[in-house]
């Protein structure tokens, strides 16, 4: 089995809620999360995780502050064995913003 999961998308959609994505099923429980972050309105990003699909989502660790960016960048976040996640922004975004996510393990 690969140490990397399949790339998934998480979109913060202005029409429904401009601060968090819908639930993303990463397909397995993973240790870490690769995240490709698009250009954003200045904000703090954090991840929320749940033990089951449709479960109670809670903040996972501390957030990362991102200034308004011209282009996207990538980061690695500790996921700690979760499968179901949401990307959350502290500020409403002016347009739909799509993140690329994939889990991985050591």
PDB file of N, CA and C in Angstrom:
ATOM      1  N   UNK A   1       0.843  -1.177   0.000  1.00  0.00           N
ATOM      2  CA  UNK A   1       0.000   0.000   0.000  1.00  0.00           C
ATOM      3  C   UNK A   1       0.887   1.239   0.000  1.00  0.00           C
ATOM      4  N   UNK A   2       0.518   2.225  -0.806  1.00  0.00           N
ATOM      5  CA  UNK A   2       1.283   3.464  -0.901  1.00  0.00           C
ATOM      6  C   UNK A   2       1.247   4.224   0.418  1.00  0.00           C
ATOM      7  N   UNK A   3       2.303   4.968   0.670  1.00  0.00           N
ATOM      8  CA  UNK A   3       2.300   5.819   1.859  1.00  0.00           C
ATOM      9  C   UNK A   3       1.544   7.116   1.601  1.00  0.00           C
ATOM     10  N   UNK A   4       1.125   7.338   0.351  1.00  0.00           N
ATOM     11  CA  UNK A   4       0.390   8.543  -0.018  1.00  0.00           C
ATOM     12  C   UNK A   4      -1.026   8.206  -0.446  1.00  0.00           C
ATOM     13  N   UNK A   5      -1.969   9.048  -0.023  1.00  0.00           N
ATOM     14  CA  UNK A   5      -3.349   8.891  -0.449  1.00  0.00           C
ATOM     15  C   UNK A   5      -3.588   9.586  -1.772  1.00  0.00           C
ATOM     16  N   UNK A   6      -4.806   9.490  -2.248  1.00  0.00           N
ATOM     17  CA  UNK A   6      -5.231  10.148  -3.480  1.00  0.00           C
ATOM     18  C   UNK A   6      -5.529  11.610  -3.183  1.00  0.00           C
ATOM     19  N   UNK A   7      -5.175  12.480  -4.114  1.00  0.00           N
ATOM     20  CA  UNK A   7      -5.490  13.903  -3.952  1.00  0.00           C
ATOM     21  C   UNK A   7      -7.006  14.098  -3.946  1.00  0.00           C
ATOM     22  N   UNK A   8      -7.487  14.897  -3.004  1.00  0.00           N
ATOM     23  CA  UNK A   8      -8.909  15.247  -2.867  1.00  0.00           C
ATOM     24  C   UNK A   8      -9.025  16.767  -2.891  1.00  0.00           C
ATOM     25  N   UNK A   9     -10.226  17.274  -3.135  1.00  0.00           N
ATOM     26  CA  UNK A   9     -10.436  18.721  -3.095  1.00  0.00           C
ATOM     27  C   UNK A   9     -11.340  19.095  -1.932  1.00  0.00           C
ATOM     28  N   UNK A  10     -11.067  20.255  -1.389  1.00  0.00           N
ATOM     29  CA  UNK A  10     -11.915  20.871  -0.368  1.00  0.00           C
ATOM     30  C   UNK A  10     -12.163  22.293  -0.840  1.00  0.00           C
ATOM     31  N   UNK A  11     -13.426  22.673  -0.983  1.00  0.00           N
ATOM     32  CA  UNK A  11     -13.741  24.001  -1.503  1.00  0.00           C
ATOM     33  C   UNK A  11     -14.517  24.805  -0.476  1.00  0.00           C
ATOM     34  N   UNK A  12     -14.023  26.004  -0.211  1.00  0.00           N
ATOM     35  CA  UNK A  12     -14.789  26.977   0.573  1.00  0.00           C
ATOM     36  C   UNK A  12     -15.661  27.698  -0.445  1.00  0.00           C
ATOM     37  N   UNK A  13     -16.971  27.514  -0.334  1.00  0.00           N
ATOM     38  CA  UNK A  13     -17.914  28.023  -1.317  1.00  0.00           C
ATOM     39  C   UNK A  13     -18.635  29.251  -0.776  1.00  0.00           C
ATOM     40  N   UNK A  14     -18.500  30.350  -1.480  1.00  0.00           N
ATOM     41  CA  UNK A  14     -19.101  31.613  -1.043  1.00  0.00           C
ATOM     42  C   UNK A  14     -20.619  31.506  -0.944  1.00  0.00           C
ATOM     43  N   UNK A  15     -21.256  30.817  -1.873  1.00  0.00           N
ATOM     44  CA  UNK A  15     -22.722  30.742  -1.903  1.00  0.00           C
ATOM     45  C   UNK A  15     -23.308  30.038  -0.687  1.00  0.00           C
ATOM     46  N   UNK A  16     -22.560  29.084  -0.084  1.00  0.00           N
ATOM     47  CA  UNK A  16     -23.129  28.323   1.032  1.00  0.00           C
ATOM     48  C   UNK A  16     -22.523  28.706   2.374  1.00  0.00           C
ATOM     49  N   UNK A  17     -21.233  28.871   2.432  1.00  0.00           N
ATOM     50  CA  UNK A  17     -20.583  29.292   3.672  1.00  0.00           C
ATOM     51  C   UNK A  17     -19.161  29.699   3.325  1.00  0.00           C
ATOM     52  N   UNK A  18     -18.859  30.941   3.477  1.00  0.00           N
ATOM     53  CA  UNK A  18     -17.580  31.474   3.008  1.00  0.00           C
ATOM     54  C   UNK A  18     -16.422  31.231   3.962  1.00  0.00           C
ATOM     55  N   UNK A  19     -16.614  30.385   4.988  1.00  0.00           N
ATOM     56  CA  UNK A  19     -15.516  30.178   5.939  1.00  0.00           C
ATOM     57  C   UNK A  19     -15.073  28.733   6.114  1.00  0.00           C
ATOM     58  N   UNK A  20     -15.820  27.757   5.614  1.00  0.00           N
ATOM     59  CA  UNK A  20     -15.336  26.382   5.749  1.00  0.00           C
ATOM     60  C   UNK A  20     -15.805  25.497   4.591  1.00  0.00           C
ATOM     61  N   UNK A  21     -15.022  24.461   4.349  1.00  0.00           N
ATOM     62  CA  UNK A  21     -15.369  23.523   3.282  1.00  0.00           C
ATOM     63  C   UNK A  21     -16.357  22.487   3.798  1.00  0.00           C
ATOM     64  N   UNK A  22     -16.893  21.728   2.879  1.00  0.00           N
ATOM     65  CA  UNK A  22     -17.679  20.553   3.252  1.00  0.00           C
ATOM     66  C   UNK A  22     -16.710  19.479   3.750  1.00  0.00           C
ATOM     67  N   UNK A  23     -17.252  18.448   4.340  1.00  0.00           N
ATOM     68  CA  UNK A  23     -16.451  17.310   4.799  1.00  0.00           C
ATOM     69  C   UNK A  23     -15.716  16.667   3.623  1.00  0.00           C
ATOM     70  N   UNK A  24     -14.451  16.308   3.856  1.00  0.00           N
ATOM     71  CA  UNK A  24     -13.661  15.581   2.866  1.00  0.00           C
ATOM     72  C   UNK A  24     -13.279  14.234   3.458  1.00  0.00           C
ATOM     73  N   UNK A  25     -13.568  13.163   2.721  1.00  0.00           N
ATOM     74  CA  UNK A  25     -13.177  11.812   3.122  1.00  0.00           C
ATOM     75  C   UNK A  25     -11.839  11.510   2.457  1.00  0.00           C
ATOM     76  N   UNK A  26     -10.785  11.406   3.247  1.00  0.00           N
ATOM     77  CA  UNK A  26      -9.443  11.151   2.721  1.00  0.00           C
ATOM     78  C   UNK A  26      -9.219   9.684   2.353  1.00  0.00           C
ATOM     79  N   UNK A  27     -10.192   8.817   2.623  1.00  0.00           N
ATOM     80  CA  UNK A  27     -10.122   7.430   2.200  1.00  0.00           C
ATOM     81  C   UNK A  27      -9.468   6.475   3.179  1.00  0.00           C
ATOM     82  N   UNK A  28      -8.689   6.981   4.104  1.00  0.00           N
ATOM     83  CA  UNK A  28      -8.000   6.197   5.141  1.00  0.00           C
ATOM     84  C   UNK A  28      -7.672   7.114   6.307  1.00  0.00           C
ATOM     85  N   UNK A  29      -7.272   6.535   7.411  1.00  0.00           N
ATOM     86  CA  UNK A  29      -6.730   7.311   8.527  1.00  0.00           C
ATOM     87  C   UNK A  29      -5.272   7.607   8.190  1.00  0.00           C
ATOM     88  N   UNK A  30      -4.852   8.873   8.330  1.00  0.00           N
ATOM     89  CA  UNK A  30      -3.506   9.285   7.930  1.00  0.00           C
ATOM     90  C   UNK A  30      -2.790  10.007   9.062  1.00  0.00           C
ATOM     91  N   UNK A  31      -1.448   9.949   9.028  1.00  0.00           N
ATOM     92  CA  UNK A  31      -0.628  10.655  10.020  1.00  0.00           C
ATOM     93  C   UNK A  31      -0.488  12.139   9.691  1.00  0.00           C
ATOM     94  N   UNK A  32      -0.342  12.430   8.390  1.00  0.00           N
ATOM     95  CA  UNK A  32      -0.073  13.803   7.948  1.00  0.00           C
ATOM     96  C   UNK A  32      -0.965  14.165   6.773  1.00  0.00           C
ATOM     97  N   UNK A  33      -1.038  15.473   6.500  1.00  0.00           N
ATOM     98  CA  UNK A  33      -1.840  15.973   5.398  1.00  0.00           C
ATOM     99  C   UNK A  33      -1.001  16.934   4.569  1.00  0.00           C
ATOM    100  N   UNK A  34      -0.859  16.643   3.269  1.00  0.00           N
ATOM    101  CA  UNK A  34      -0.321  17.619   2.325  1.00  0.00           C
ATOM    102  C   UNK A  34      -1.478  18.517   1.942  1.00  0.00           C
ATOM    103  N   UNK A  35      -1.262  19.837   1.950  1.00  0.00           N
ATOM    104  CA  UNK A  35      -2.314  20.766   1.552  1.00  0.00           C
ATOM    105  C   UNK A  35      -1.723  21.809   0.619  1.00  0.00           C
ATOM    106  N   UNK A  36      -2.375  22.003  -0.508  1.00  0.00           N
ATOM    107  CA  UNK A  36      -2.010  23.062  -1.446  1.00  0.00           C
ATOM    108  C   UNK A  36      -3.028  24.172  -1.244  1.00  0.00           C
ATOM    109  N   UNK A  37      -2.539  25.332  -0.845  1.00  0.00           N
ATOM    110  CA  UNK A  37      -3.381  26.459  -0.443  1.00  0.00           C
ATOM    111  C   UNK A  37      -3.448  27.471  -1.584  1.00  0.00           C
ATOM    112  N   UNK A  38      -4.652  27.842  -2.031  1.00  0.00           N
ATOM    113  CA  UNK A  38      -4.782  28.822  -3.123  1.00  0.00           C
ATOM    114  C   UNK A  38      -4.569  30.251  -2.605  1.00  0.00           C
ATOM    115  N   UNK A  39      -4.606  31.220  -3.497  1.00  0.00           N
ATOM    116  CA  UNK A  39      -4.575  32.631  -3.095  1.00  0.00           C
ATOM    117  C   UNK A  39      -5.813  32.924  -2.262  1.00  0.00           C
ATOM    118  N   UNK A  40      -5.619  33.576  -1.118  1.00  0.00           N
ATOM    119  CA  UNK A  40      -6.720  33.786  -0.178  1.00  0.00           C
ATOM    120  C   UNK A  40      -6.755  35.223   0.328  1.00  0.00           C
ATOM    121  N   UNK A  41      -7.922  35.628   0.809  1.00  0.00           N
ATOM    122  CA  UNK A  41      -8.032  36.813   1.628  1.00  0.00           C
ATOM    123  C   UNK A  41      -7.289  36.503   2.922  1.00  0.00           C
ATOM    124  N   UNK A  42      -6.528  37.451   3.440  1.00  0.00           N
ATOM    125  CA  UNK A  42      -5.728  37.239   4.643  1.00  0.00           C
ATOM    126  C   UNK A  42      -6.558  36.598   5.753  1.00  0.00           C
ATOM    127  N   UNK A  43      -6.042  35.497   6.326  1.00  0.00           N
ATOM    128  CA  UNK A  43      -6.812  34.749   7.314  1.00  0.00           C
ATOM    129  C   UNK A  43      -5.909  33.773   8.062  1.00  0.00           C
ATOM    130  N   UNK A  44      -6.500  33.110   9.041  1.00  0.00           N
ATOM    131  CA  UNK A  44      -5.872  31.953   9.677  1.00  0.00           C
ATOM    132  C   UNK A  44      -6.627  30.734   9.198  1.00  0.00           C
ATOM    133  N   UNK A  45      -5.885  29.723   8.761  1.00  0.00           N
ATOM    134  CA  UNK A  45      -6.493  28.466   8.343  1.00  0.00           C
ATOM    135  C   UNK A  45      -6.312  27.431   9.421  1.00  0.00           C
ATOM    136  N   UNK A  46      -7.283  26.574   9.582  1.00  0.00           N
ATOM    137  CA  UNK A  46      -7.144  25.443  10.494  1.00  0.00           C
ATOM    138  C   UNK A  46      -7.875  24.260   9.897  1.00  0.00           C
ATOM    139  N   UNK A  47      -7.626  23.131  10.479  1.00  0.00           N
ATOM    140  CA  UNK A  47      -8.272  21.899  10.051  1.00  0.00           C
ATOM    141  C   UNK A  47      -9.199  21.452  11.164  1.00  0.00           C
ATOM    142  N   UNK A  48     -10.372  20.967  10.786  1.00  0.00           N
ATOM    143  CA  UNK A  48     -11.261  20.305  11.722  1.00  0.00           C
ATOM    144  C   UNK A  48     -11.346  18.843  11.304  1.00  0.00           C
ATOM    145  N   UNK A  49     -11.470  17.954  12.280  1.00  0.00           N
ATOM    146  CA  UNK A  49     -11.497  16.520  12.004  1.00  0.00           C
ATOM    147  C   UNK A  49     -12.602  15.856  12.807  1.00  0.00           C
ATOM    148  N   UNK A  50     -13.086  14.720  12.268  1.00  0.00           N
ATOM    149  CA  UNK A  50     -14.099  13.916  12.958  1.00  0.00           C
ATOM    150  C   UNK A  50     -13.717  12.450  12.831  1.00  0.00           C
ATOM    151  N   UNK A  51     -14.188  11.652  13.772  1.00  0.00           N
ATOM    152  CA  UNK A  51     -13.884  10.224  13.769  1.00  0.00           C
ATOM    153  C   UNK A  51     -14.723   9.449  12.761  1.00  0.00           C
ATOM    154  N   UNK A  52     -15.899   9.980  12.422  1.00  0.00           N
ATOM    155  CA  UNK A  52     -16.796   9.298  11.484  1.00  0.00           C
ATOM    156  C   UNK A  52     -17.373  10.307  10.498  1.00  0.00           C
ATOM    157  N   UNK A  53     -17.826   9.820   9.361  1.00  0.00           N
ATOM    158  CA  UNK A  53     -18.475  10.708   8.406  1.00  0.00           C
ATOM    159  C   UNK A  53     -19.729  11.302   9.033  1.00  0.00           C
ATOM    160  N   UNK A  54     -19.914  12.597   8.859  1.00  0.00           N
ATOM    161  CA  UNK A  54     -21.058  13.268   9.458  1.00  0.00           C
ATOM    162  C   UNK A  54     -20.941  13.438  10.957  1.00  0.00           C
ATOM    163  N   UNK A  55     -19.779  13.109  11.518  1.00  0.00           N
ATOM    164  CA  UNK A  55     -19.575  13.195  12.962  1.00  0.00           C
ATOM    165  C   UNK A  55     -19.396  14.629  13.435  1.00  0.00           C
ATOM    166  N   UNK A  56     -19.077  14.758  14.700  1.00  0.00           N
ATOM    167  CA  UNK A  56     -18.833  16.068  15.289  1.00  0.00           C
ATOM    168  C   UNK A  56     -17.402  16.487  14.950  1.00  0.00           C
ATOM    169  N   UNK A  57     -17.274  17.595  14.234  1.00  0.00           N
ATOM    170  CA  UNK A  57     -15.961  18.102  13.838  1.00  0.00           C
ATOM    171  C   UNK A  57     -15.428  19.025  14.912  1.00  0.00           C
ATOM    172  N   UNK A  58     -14.141  18.856  15.208  1.00  0.00           N
ATOM    173  CA  UNK A  58     -13.482  19.701  16.211  1.00  0.00           C
ATOM    174  C   UNK A  58     -12.154  20.188  15.645  1.00  0.00           C
ATOM    175  N   UNK A  59     -11.683  21.319  16.165  1.00  0.00           N
ATOM    176  CA  UNK A  59     -10.410  21.868  15.724  1.00  0.00           C
ATOM    177  C   UNK A  59      -9.289  20.886  15.997  1.00  0.00           C
ATOM    178  N   UNK A  60      -8.365  20.813  15.075  1.00  0.00           N
ATOM    179  CA  UNK A  60      -7.231  19.909  15.187  1.00  0.00           C
ATOM    180  C   UNK A  60      -5.962  20.746  15.230  1.00  0.00           C
ATOM    181  N   UNK A  61      -5.344  20.831  16.384  1.00  0.00           N
ATOM    182  CA  UNK A  61      -4.099  21.595  16.522  1.00  0.00           C
ATOM    183  C   UNK A  61      -4.307  23.076  16.328  1.00  0.00           C
ATOM    184  N   UNK A  62      -3.206  23.782  16.164  1.00  0.00           N
ATOM    185  CA  UNK A  62      -3.277  25.224  15.966  1.00  0.00           C
ATOM    186  C   UNK A  62      -3.357  25.527  14.475  1.00  0.00           C
ATOM    187  N   UNK A  63      -3.804  26.723  14.159  1.00  0.00           N
ATOM    188  CA  UNK A  63      -3.950  27.123  12.760  1.00  0.00           C
ATOM    189  C   UNK A  63      -2.659  27.676  12.202  1.00  0.00           C
ATOM    190  N   UNK A  64      -2.691  27.985  10.925  1.00  0.00           N
ATOM    191  CA  UNK A  64      -1.573  28.615  10.240  1.00  0.00           C
ATOM    192  C   UNK A  64      -2.096  29.925   9.666  1.00  0.00           C
ATOM    193  N   UNK A  65      -1.369  31.015   9.900  1.00  0.00           N
ATOM    194  CA  UNK A  65      -1.784  32.326   9.401  1.00  0.00           C
ATOM    195  C   UNK A  65      -1.253  32.508   7.994  1.00  0.00           C
ATOM    196  N   UNK A  66      -2.132  32.931   7.096  1.00  0.00           N
ATOM    197  CA  UNK A  66      -1.721  33.171   5.720  1.00  0.00           C
ATOM    198  C   UNK A  66      -2.087  34.590   5.313  1.00  0.00           C
ATOM    199  N   UNK A  67      -1.108  35.356   4.809  1.00  0.00           N
ATOM    200  CA  UNK A  67      -1.438  36.678   4.287  1.00  0.00           C
ATOM    201  C   UNK A  67      -2.118  36.523   2.934  1.00  0.00           C
ATOM    202  N   UNK A  68      -2.650  37.619   2.393  1.00  0.00           N
ATOM    203  CA  UNK A  68      -3.176  37.565   1.036  1.00  0.00           C
ATOM    204  C   UNK A  68      -2.015  37.176   0.139  1.00  0.00           C
ATOM    205  N   UNK A  69      -2.211  36.175  -0.692  1.00  0.00           N
ATOM    206  CA  UNK A  69      -1.110  35.674  -1.507  1.00  0.00           C
ATOM    207  C   UNK A  69      -1.385  35.874  -2.983  1.00  0.00           C
ATOM    208  N   UNK A  70      -0.331  36.011  -3.757  1.00  0.00           N
ATOM    209  CA  UNK A  70      -0.445  36.149  -5.203  1.00  0.00           C
ATOM    210  C   UNK A  70      -0.630  34.778  -5.836  1.00  0.00           C
ATOM    211  N   UNK A  71       0.026  33.785  -5.294  1.00  0.00           N
ATOM    212  CA  UNK A  71      -0.077  32.432  -5.818  1.00  0.00           C
ATOM    213  C   UNK A  71      -0.267  31.456  -4.689  1.00  0.00           C
ATOM    214  N   UNK A  72      -0.422  30.211  -5.042  1.00  0.00           N
ATOM    215  CA  UNK A  72      -0.649  29.203  -4.016  1.00  0.00           C
ATOM    216  C   UNK A  72       0.665  28.715  -3.424  1.00  0.00           C
ATOM    217  N   UNK A  73       0.567  28.034  -2.293  1.00  0.00           N
ATOM    218  CA  UNK A  73       1.734  27.390  -1.698  1.00  0.00           C
ATOM    219  C   UNK A  73       1.286  26.111  -1.019  1.00  0.00           C
ATOM    220  N   UNK A  74       2.250  25.299  -0.677  1.00  0.00           N
ATOM    221  CA  UNK A  74       1.965  23.992  -0.081  1.00  0.00           C
ATOM    222  C   UNK A  74       2.496  23.942   1.334  1.00  0.00           C
ATOM    223  N   UNK A  75       1.874  23.077   2.138  1.00  0.00           N
ATOM    224  CA  UNK A  75       2.299  22.893   3.524  1.00  0.00           C
ATOM    225  C   UNK A  75       1.980  21.452   3.922  1.00  0.00           C
ATOM    226  N   UNK A  76       2.566  21.018   5.020  1.00  0.00           N
ATOM    227  CA  UNK A  76       2.273  19.701   5.594  1.00  0.00           C
ATOM    228  C   UNK A  76       1.772  19.932   7.012  1.00  0.00           C
ATOM    229  N   UNK A  77       0.612  19.369   7.319  1.00  0.00           N
ATOM    230  CA  UNK A  77       0.011  19.492   8.645  1.00  0.00           C
ATOM    231  C   UNK A  77      -0.076  18.117   9.283  1.00  0.00           C
ATOM    232  N   UNK A  78       0.097  18.066  10.604  1.00  0.00           N
ATOM    233  CA  UNK A  78      -0.064  16.818  11.343  1.00  0.00           C
ATOM    234  C   UNK A  78      -1.550  16.503  11.435  1.00  0.00           C
ATOM    235  N   UNK A  79      -1.920  15.309  11.028  1.00  0.00           N
ATOM    236  CA  UNK A  79      -3.323  14.909  11.009  1.00  0.00           C
ATOM    237  C   UNK A  79      -3.665  13.972  12.162  1.00  0.00           C
ATOM    238  N   UNK A  80      -2.705  13.173  12.601  1.00  0.00           N
ATOM    239  CA  UNK A  80      -2.889  12.355  13.793  1.00  0.00           C
ATOM    240  C   UNK A  80      -3.875  11.217  13.683  1.00  0.00           C
ATOM    241  N   UNK A  81      -4.038  10.638  12.493  1.00  0.00           N
ATOM    242  CA  UNK A  81      -4.872   9.449  12.375  1.00  0.00           C
ATOM    243  C   UNK A  81      -6.319   9.680  11.993  1.00  0.00           C
ATOM    244  N   UNK A  82      -6.661  10.875  11.541  1.00  0.00           N
ATOM    245  CA  UNK A  82      -8.048  11.141  11.127  1.00  0.00           C
ATOM    246  C   UNK A  82      -8.243  10.895   9.639  1.00  0.00           C
ATOM    247  N   UNK A  83      -9.490  10.673   9.259  1.00  0.00           N
ATOM    248  CA  UNK A  83      -9.877  10.427   7.872  1.00  0.00           C
ATOM    249  C   UNK A  83     -10.814  11.514   7.335  1.00  0.00           C
ATOM    250  N   UNK A  84     -11.670  12.068   8.193  1.00  0.00           N
ATOM    251  CA  UNK A  84     -12.691  13.030   7.776  1.00  0.00           C
ATOM    252  C   UNK A  84     -12.294  14.424   8.246  1.00  0.00           C
ATOM    253  N   UNK A  85     -12.159  15.361   7.302  1.00  0.00           N
ATOM    254  CA  UNK A  85     -11.652  16.687   7.630  1.00  0.00           C
ATOM    255  C   UNK A  85     -12.451  17.785   6.937  1.00  0.00           C
ATOM    256  N   UNK A  86     -12.315  19.001   7.462  1.00  0.00           N
ATOM    257  CA  UNK A  86     -12.814  20.227   6.841  1.00  0.00           C
ATOM    258  C   UNK A  86     -11.698  21.265   6.944  1.00  0.00           C
ATOM    259  N   UNK A  87     -11.575  22.108   5.922  1.00  0.00           N
ATOM    260  CA  UNK A  87     -10.658  23.249   5.959  1.00  0.00           C
ATOM    261  C   UNK A  87     -11.477  24.457   6.401  1.00  0.00           C
ATOM    262  N   UNK A  88     -10.961  25.205   7.390  1.00  0.00           N
ATOM    263  CA  UNK A  88     -11.695  26.327   7.968  1.00  0.00           C
ATOM    264  C   UNK A  88     -10.843  27.594   7.893  1.00  0.00           C
ATOM    265  N   UNK A  89     -11.462  28.681   7.459  1.00  0.00           N
ATOM    266  CA  UNK A  89     -10.822  29.987   7.364  1.00  0.00           C
ATOM    267  C   UNK A  89     -11.419  30.918   8.410  1.00  0.00           C
ATOM    268  N   UNK A  90     -10.574  31.766   9.000  1.00  0.00           N
ATOM    269  CA  UNK A  90     -11.074  32.730   9.994  1.00  0.00           C
ATOM    270  C   UNK A  90     -11.773  33.920   9.342  1.00  0.00           C
ATOM    271  N   UNK A  91     -11.601  34.086   8.031  1.00  0.00           N
ATOM    272  CA  UNK A  91     -12.214  35.215   7.323  1.00  0.00           C
ATOM    273  C   UNK A  91     -12.990  34.704   6.117  1.00  0.00           C
ATOM    274  N   UNK A  92     -14.110  35.345   5.834  1.00  0.00           N
ATOM    275  CA  UNK A  92     -14.874  34.997   4.641  1.00  0.00           C
ATOM    276  C   UNK A  92     -14.017  35.256   3.410  1.00  0.00           C
ATOM    277  N   UNK A  93     -14.130  34.373   2.440  1.00  0.00           N
ATOM    278  CA  UNK A  93     -13.395  34.528   1.189  1.00  0.00           C
ATOM    279  C   UNK A  93     -14.317  35.162   0.152  1.00  0.00           C
ATOM    280  N   UNK A  94     -13.757  35.961  -0.736  1.00  0.00           N
ATOM    281  CA  UNK A  94     -14.542  36.690  -1.722  1.00  0.00           C
ATOM    282  C   UNK A  94     -14.940  35.868  -2.935  1.00  0.00           C
ATOM    283  N   UNK A  95     -14.334  34.699  -3.079  1.00  0.00           N
ATOM    284  CA  UNK A  95     -14.632  33.812  -4.205  1.00  0.00           C
ATOM    285  C   UNK A  95     -14.490  32.377  -3.714  1.00  0.00           C
ATOM    286  N   UNK A  96     -14.995  31.432  -4.483  1.00  0.00           N
ATOM    287  CA  UNK A  96     -14.803  30.029  -4.126  1.00  0.00           C
ATOM    288  C   UNK A  96     -13.311  29.726  -4.129  1.00  0.00           C
ATOM    289  N   UNK A  97     -12.838  29.049  -3.096  1.00  0.00           N
ATOM    290  CA  UNK A  97     -11.416  28.718  -2.959  1.00  0.00           C
ATOM    291  C   UNK A  97     -11.274  27.209  -2.817  1.00  0.00           C
ATOM    292  N   UNK A  98     -10.492  26.601  -3.700  1.00  0.00           N
ATOM    293  CA  UNK A  98     -10.334  25.147  -3.708  1.00  0.00           C
ATOM    294  C   UNK A  98      -8.934  24.760  -3.254  1.00  0.00           C
ATOM    295  N   UNK A  99      -8.877  23.887  -2.266  1.00  0.00           N
ATOM    296  CA  UNK A  99      -7.642  23.354  -1.703  1.00  0.00           C
ATOM    297  C   UNK A  99      -7.461  21.930  -2.210  1.00  0.00           C
ATOM    298  N   UNK A 100      -6.229  21.515  -2.403  1.00  0.00           N
ATOM    299  CA  UNK A 100      -5.906  20.127  -2.749  1.00  0.00           C
ATOM    300  C   UNK A 100      -5.344  19.469  -1.486  1.00  0.00           C
ATOM    301  N   UNK A 101      -5.843  18.288  -1.150  1.00  0.00           N
ATOM    302  CA  UNK A 101      -5.451  17.594   0.069  1.00  0.00           C
ATOM    303  C   UNK A 101      -5.099  16.149  -0.241  1.00  0.00           C
ATOM    304  N   UNK A 102      -4.119  15.612   0.477  1.00  0.00           N
ATOM    305  CA  UNK A 102      -3.880  14.168   0.441  1.00  0.00           C
ATOM    306  C   UNK A 102      -3.220  13.754   1.754  1.00  0.00           C
ATOM    307  N   UNK A 103      -3.637  12.630   2.253  1.00  0.00           N
ATOM    308  CA  UNK A 103      -3.048  12.094   3.464  1.00  0.00           C
ATOM    309  C   UNK A 103      -1.808  11.284   3.137  1.00  0.00           C
ATOM    310  N   UNK A 104      -0.954  11.127   4.153  1.00  0.00           N
ATOM    311  CA  UNK A 104       0.201  10.246   3.998  1.00  0.00           C
ATOM    312  C   UNK A 104       0.657   9.780   5.367  1.00  0.00           C
ATOM    313  N   UNK A 105       1.435   8.716   5.348  1.00  0.00           N
ATOM    314  CA  UNK A 105       1.962   8.166   6.596  1.00  0.00           C
ATOM    315  C   UNK A 105       3.450   7.917   6.427  1.00  0.00           C
ATOM    316  N   UNK A 106       4.118   7.783   7.550  1.00  0.00           N
ATOM    317  CA  UNK A 106       5.563   7.527   7.509  1.00  0.00           C
ATOM    318  C   UNK A 106       5.853   6.167   6.975  1.00  0.00           C
TER     319      UNK A 106
END
